[in-house]
Every structure is written in structure tokens, then in C-alpha cells.
Amino acid sequence: MATHASALKRQRQNEKRRVRNRAVRSTLRTLIKKVKKAANKQEALGHLQTAVSRLSKAAQKGILHRNTANRSISRLTQFVNHLS
């Protein structure tokens, strides 16, 4: 357990970030599922737009690596484009 004031502060900050990052990642997973479970292409496109926006924002903030976000966006877009 940390005893220095600076180490205690660092511990508090890390915990706050962990909780925030976890919430964002959970939301992203839900959005991706919504795209994949969409009933038709129109609905999927709507969900895709939201998912792409959130994935990009997560990458910008450092919650996801840039390449991971781009790969997810690419795969989701391909999935939606192949829907009939």
C-alpha cells in the first residue's frame, strides 16, 4: 500500500481513470453489438454512425489505441456494406 502523499494521489487518479475507461469500453461494446444485431441496413447505418463517432473519440482520448479503433471501424463498415 502506498504511504507517500503523491503515491496516494496517483492511486486515486488511477482508480478514477480505470472506472471511466471501463465505462467507455463497455459502451463501445454495446454499440458494436447494436450494429451487428440491426434488423435492416438503414438501422445498421444509424448505429454505425454513432459507433464510428464513439470509437474515434475513444482513440483520441487514449482509451483505445488508434489502430484498434480504425480496425473496428473498418470491420463494422464492411459488415454494414455487405448487408442486403
N, C-alpha and C. Protein backbone atom coordinates (compact mmCIF):
# COMPACT_ATOMS: atom_id res chain seq x y z
N MET A 1 0.85 -1.18 0.00
CA MET A 1 0.00 0.00 0.00
C MET A 1 0.89 1.24 0.00
N ALA A 2 0.48 2.23 -0.77
CA ALA A 2 1.25 3.47 -0.87
C ALA A 2 1.16 4.25 0.44
N THR A 3 2.23 4.94 0.78
CA THR A 3 2.21 5.75 2.00
C THR A 3 2.51 7.22 1.73
N HIS A 4 3.26 7.52 0.68
CA HIS A 4 3.55 8.92 0.36
C HIS A 4 2.30 9.60 -0.20
N ALA A 5 2.18 10.87 0.07
CA ALA A 5 1.01 11.62 -0.39
C ALA A 5 0.88 11.57 -1.91
N SER A 6 2.00 11.71 -2.61
CA SER A 6 1.96 11.70 -4.08
C SER A 6 1.53 10.33 -4.61
N ALA A 7 1.96 9.26 -3.93
CA ALA A 7 1.60 7.92 -4.35
C ALA A 7 0.11 7.65 -4.09
N LEU A 8 -0.38 8.19 -2.98
CA LEU A 8 -1.81 8.05 -2.67
C LEU A 8 -2.66 8.78 -3.70
N LYS A 9 -2.22 9.97 -4.07
CA LYS A 9 -2.94 10.75 -5.08
C LYS A 9 -2.94 10.00 -6.41
N ARG A 10 -1.79 9.47 -6.79
CA ARG A 10 -1.67 8.72 -8.04
C ARG A 10 -2.62 7.53 -8.03
N GLN A 11 -2.74 6.88 -6.88
CA GLN A 11 -3.63 5.73 -6.73
C GLN A 11 -5.09 6.15 -6.95
N ARG A 12 -5.47 7.29 -6.37
CA ARG A 12 -6.84 7.80 -6.54
C ARG A 12 -7.12 8.14 -8.00
N GLN A 13 -6.16 8.79 -8.65
CA GLN A 13 -6.33 9.17 -10.06
C GLN A 13 -6.46 7.94 -10.95
N ASN A 14 -5.62 6.94 -10.70
CA ASN A 14 -5.66 5.71 -11.49
C ASN A 14 -7.01 5.01 -11.36
N GLU A 15 -7.55 5.00 -10.16
CA GLU A 15 -8.84 4.34 -9.94
C GLU A 15 -9.95 5.08 -10.70
N LYS A 16 -9.94 6.41 -10.65
CA LYS A 16 -10.94 7.20 -11.37
C LYS A 16 -10.87 6.92 -12.86
N ARG A 17 -9.65 6.91 -13.38
CA ARG A 17 -9.46 6.67 -14.83
C ARG A 17 -9.89 5.26 -15.21
N ARG A 18 -9.57 4.29 -14.35
CA ARG A 18 -9.92 2.90 -14.63
C ARG A 18 -11.43 2.75 -14.77
N VAL A 19 -12.15 3.34 -13.83
CA VAL A 19 -13.61 3.26 -13.84
C VAL A 19 -14.18 3.95 -15.08
N ARG A 20 -13.66 5.13 -15.41
CA ARG A 20 -14.14 5.88 -16.57
C ARG A 20 -13.86 5.12 -17.86
N ASN A 21 -12.62 4.60 -17.99
CA ASN A 21 -12.25 3.87 -19.20
C ASN A 21 -13.08 2.61 -19.38
N ARG A 22 -13.35 1.96 -18.27
CA ARG A 22 -14.15 0.73 -18.32
C ARG A 22 -15.56 1.02 -18.79
N ALA A 23 -16.13 2.12 -18.33
CA ALA A 23 -17.48 2.51 -18.75
C ALA A 23 -17.51 2.80 -20.25
N VAL A 24 -16.49 3.50 -20.74
CA VAL A 24 -16.43 3.84 -22.16
C VAL A 24 -16.30 2.56 -22.99
N ARG A 25 -15.42 1.65 -22.59
CA ARG A 25 -15.22 0.40 -23.33
C ARG A 25 -16.50 -0.43 -23.35
N SER A 26 -17.20 -0.44 -22.25
CA SER A 26 -18.46 -1.19 -22.17
C SER A 26 -19.48 -0.61 -23.13
N THR A 27 -19.57 0.71 -23.18
CA THR A 27 -20.49 1.39 -24.10
C THR A 27 -20.13 1.06 -25.54
N LEU A 28 -18.84 1.06 -25.85
CA LEU A 28 -18.39 0.74 -27.21
C LEU A 28 -18.82 -0.67 -27.61
N ARG A 29 -18.64 -1.62 -26.71
CA ARG A 29 -19.03 -3.00 -27.00
C ARG A 29 -20.53 -3.08 -27.29
N THR A 30 -21.33 -2.36 -26.52
CA THR A 30 -22.78 -2.35 -26.72
C THR A 30 -23.13 -1.75 -28.08
N LEU A 31 -22.48 -0.67 -28.45
CA LEU A 31 -22.75 -0.03 -29.74
C LEU A 31 -22.39 -0.96 -30.90
N ILE A 32 -21.28 -1.67 -30.77
CA ILE A 32 -20.86 -2.61 -31.82
C ILE A 32 -21.89 -3.73 -31.95
N LYS A 33 -22.40 -4.22 -30.82
CA LYS A 33 -23.42 -5.26 -30.86
C LYS A 33 -24.68 -4.76 -31.54
N LYS A 34 -25.05 -3.50 -31.28
CA LYS A 34 -26.25 -2.93 -31.89
C LYS A 34 -26.12 -2.89 -33.41
N VAL A 35 -24.93 -2.56 -33.91
CA VAL A 35 -24.71 -2.53 -35.36
C VAL A 35 -24.90 -3.93 -35.93
N LYS A 36 -24.32 -4.92 -35.25
CA LYS A 36 -24.38 -6.30 -35.77
C LYS A 36 -25.76 -6.93 -35.66
N LYS A 37 -26.55 -6.48 -34.69
CA LYS A 37 -27.87 -7.07 -34.48
C LYS A 37 -28.99 -6.29 -35.19
N ALA A 38 -28.63 -5.24 -35.90
CA ALA A 38 -29.64 -4.39 -36.55
C ALA A 38 -30.50 -5.22 -37.51
N ALA A 39 -31.79 -4.89 -37.55
CA ALA A 39 -32.75 -5.65 -38.35
C ALA A 39 -32.56 -5.42 -39.85
N ASN A 40 -32.21 -4.19 -40.23
CA ASN A 40 -32.02 -3.90 -41.65
C ASN A 40 -30.84 -2.95 -41.85
N LYS A 41 -30.53 -2.69 -43.11
CA LYS A 41 -29.35 -1.89 -43.42
C LYS A 41 -29.49 -0.44 -42.93
N GLN A 42 -30.69 0.13 -43.04
CA GLN A 42 -30.92 1.51 -42.60
C GLN A 42 -30.64 1.66 -41.10
N GLU A 43 -31.17 0.74 -40.35
CA GLU A 43 -30.97 0.76 -38.90
C GLU A 43 -29.48 0.58 -38.57
N ALA A 44 -28.84 -0.33 -39.28
CA ALA A 44 -27.41 -0.60 -39.07
C ALA A 44 -26.59 0.65 -39.37
N LEU A 45 -26.94 1.37 -40.44
CA LEU A 45 -26.22 2.60 -40.79
C LEU A 45 -26.33 3.65 -39.69
N GLY A 46 -27.51 3.76 -39.10
CA GLY A 46 -27.70 4.70 -37.99
C GLY A 46 -26.82 4.37 -36.80
N HIS A 47 -26.81 3.09 -36.45
CA HIS A 47 -25.99 2.65 -35.32
C HIS A 47 -24.50 2.76 -35.67
N LEU A 48 -24.16 2.51 -36.94
CA LEU A 48 -22.77 2.58 -37.37
C LEU A 48 -22.22 3.99 -37.18
N GLN A 49 -23.01 4.98 -37.54
CA GLN A 49 -22.58 6.37 -37.41
C GLN A 49 -22.23 6.70 -35.96
N THR A 50 -23.07 6.27 -35.05
CA THR A 50 -22.82 6.51 -33.62
C THR A 50 -21.57 5.76 -33.16
N ALA A 51 -21.45 4.50 -33.57
CA ALA A 51 -20.32 3.67 -33.16
C ALA A 51 -19.00 4.25 -33.66
N VAL A 52 -18.98 4.68 -34.92
CA VAL A 52 -17.75 5.24 -35.50
C VAL A 52 -17.34 6.49 -34.74
N SER A 53 -18.31 7.34 -34.44
CA SER A 53 -18.03 8.57 -33.70
C SER A 53 -17.43 8.26 -32.33
N ARG A 54 -18.05 7.34 -31.61
CA ARG A 54 -17.58 7.00 -30.27
C ARG A 54 -16.22 6.31 -30.30
N LEU A 55 -15.99 5.43 -31.29
CA LEU A 55 -14.70 4.75 -31.40
C LEU A 55 -13.59 5.76 -31.67
N SER A 56 -13.85 6.72 -32.55
CA SER A 56 -12.86 7.75 -32.86
C SER A 56 -12.54 8.58 -31.63
N LYS A 57 -13.58 8.93 -30.90
CA LYS A 57 -13.39 9.74 -29.69
C LYS A 57 -12.58 8.97 -28.64
N ALA A 58 -12.86 7.69 -28.50
CA ALA A 58 -12.13 6.86 -27.53
C ALA A 58 -10.65 6.79 -27.91
N ALA A 59 -10.37 6.69 -29.21
CA ALA A 59 -8.98 6.65 -29.67
C ALA A 59 -8.30 7.98 -29.41
N GLN A 60 -9.01 9.06 -29.63
CA GLN A 60 -8.46 10.41 -29.39
C GLN A 60 -8.07 10.59 -27.93
N LYS A 61 -8.90 10.06 -27.05
CA LYS A 61 -8.67 10.25 -25.62
C LYS A 61 -7.69 9.21 -25.04
N GLY A 62 -7.27 8.26 -25.88
CA GLY A 62 -6.28 7.28 -25.44
C GLY A 62 -6.87 6.08 -24.72
N ILE A 63 -8.18 5.92 -24.79
CA ILE A 63 -8.81 4.76 -24.16
C ILE A 63 -8.56 3.53 -25.01
N LEU A 64 -8.60 3.72 -26.32
CA LEU A 64 -8.25 2.66 -27.28
C LEU A 64 -7.05 3.11 -28.09
N HIS A 65 -6.26 2.16 -28.56
CA HIS A 65 -5.17 2.50 -29.47
C HIS A 65 -5.78 2.92 -30.80
N ARG A 66 -5.12 3.83 -31.47
CA ARG A 66 -5.60 4.36 -32.75
C ARG A 66 -5.88 3.26 -33.76
N ASN A 67 -4.95 2.32 -33.88
CA ASN A 67 -5.12 1.23 -34.86
C ASN A 67 -6.26 0.30 -34.49
N THR A 68 -6.47 0.08 -33.22
CA THR A 68 -7.57 -0.78 -32.77
C THR A 68 -8.90 -0.15 -33.15
N ALA A 69 -9.03 1.15 -32.92
CA ALA A 69 -10.26 1.85 -33.27
C ALA A 69 -10.48 1.82 -34.78
N ASN A 70 -9.42 2.09 -35.55
CA ASN A 70 -9.54 2.08 -37.01
C ASN A 70 -9.92 0.70 -37.53
N ARG A 71 -9.36 -0.33 -36.94
CA ARG A 71 -9.67 -1.70 -37.37
C ARG A 71 -11.14 -2.02 -37.09
N SER A 72 -11.63 -1.63 -35.94
CA SER A 72 -13.03 -1.87 -35.59
C SER A 72 -13.96 -1.12 -36.53
N ILE A 73 -13.62 0.13 -36.82
CA ILE A 73 -14.43 0.95 -37.73
C ILE A 73 -14.46 0.30 -39.11
N SER A 74 -13.31 -0.14 -39.57
CA SER A 74 -13.22 -0.76 -40.89
C SER A 74 -14.07 -2.02 -40.97
N ARG A 75 -13.97 -2.87 -39.98
CA ARG A 75 -14.72 -4.13 -39.97
C ARG A 75 -16.22 -3.89 -39.89
N LEU A 76 -16.62 -2.94 -39.05
CA LEU A 76 -18.05 -2.63 -38.94
C LEU A 76 -18.59 -2.07 -40.25
N THR A 77 -17.83 -1.19 -40.88
CA THR A 77 -18.25 -0.59 -42.14
C THR A 77 -18.39 -1.67 -43.21
N GLN A 78 -17.43 -2.58 -43.29
CA GLN A 78 -17.50 -3.69 -44.25
C GLN A 78 -18.74 -4.54 -43.98
N PHE A 79 -19.00 -4.80 -42.72
CA PHE A 79 -20.16 -5.61 -42.35
C PHE A 79 -21.46 -4.97 -42.83
N VAL A 80 -21.60 -3.67 -42.58
CA VAL A 80 -22.82 -2.96 -42.97
C VAL A 80 -22.93 -2.88 -44.50
N ASN A 81 -21.82 -2.65 -45.18
CA ASN A 81 -21.84 -2.55 -46.65
C ASN A 81 -22.25 -3.86 -47.31
N HIS A 82 -21.97 -5.00 -46.66
CA HIS A 82 -22.31 -6.28 -47.24
C HIS A 82 -23.73 -6.72 -46.90
N LEU A 83 -24.44 -5.93 -46.09
CA LEU A 83 -25.84 -6.27 -45.79
C LEU A 83 -26.67 -5.98 -47.04
N SER A 84 -27.73 -6.76 -47.20
CA SER A 84 -28.60 -6.51 -48.36
C SER A 84 -29.91 -5.89 -47.91
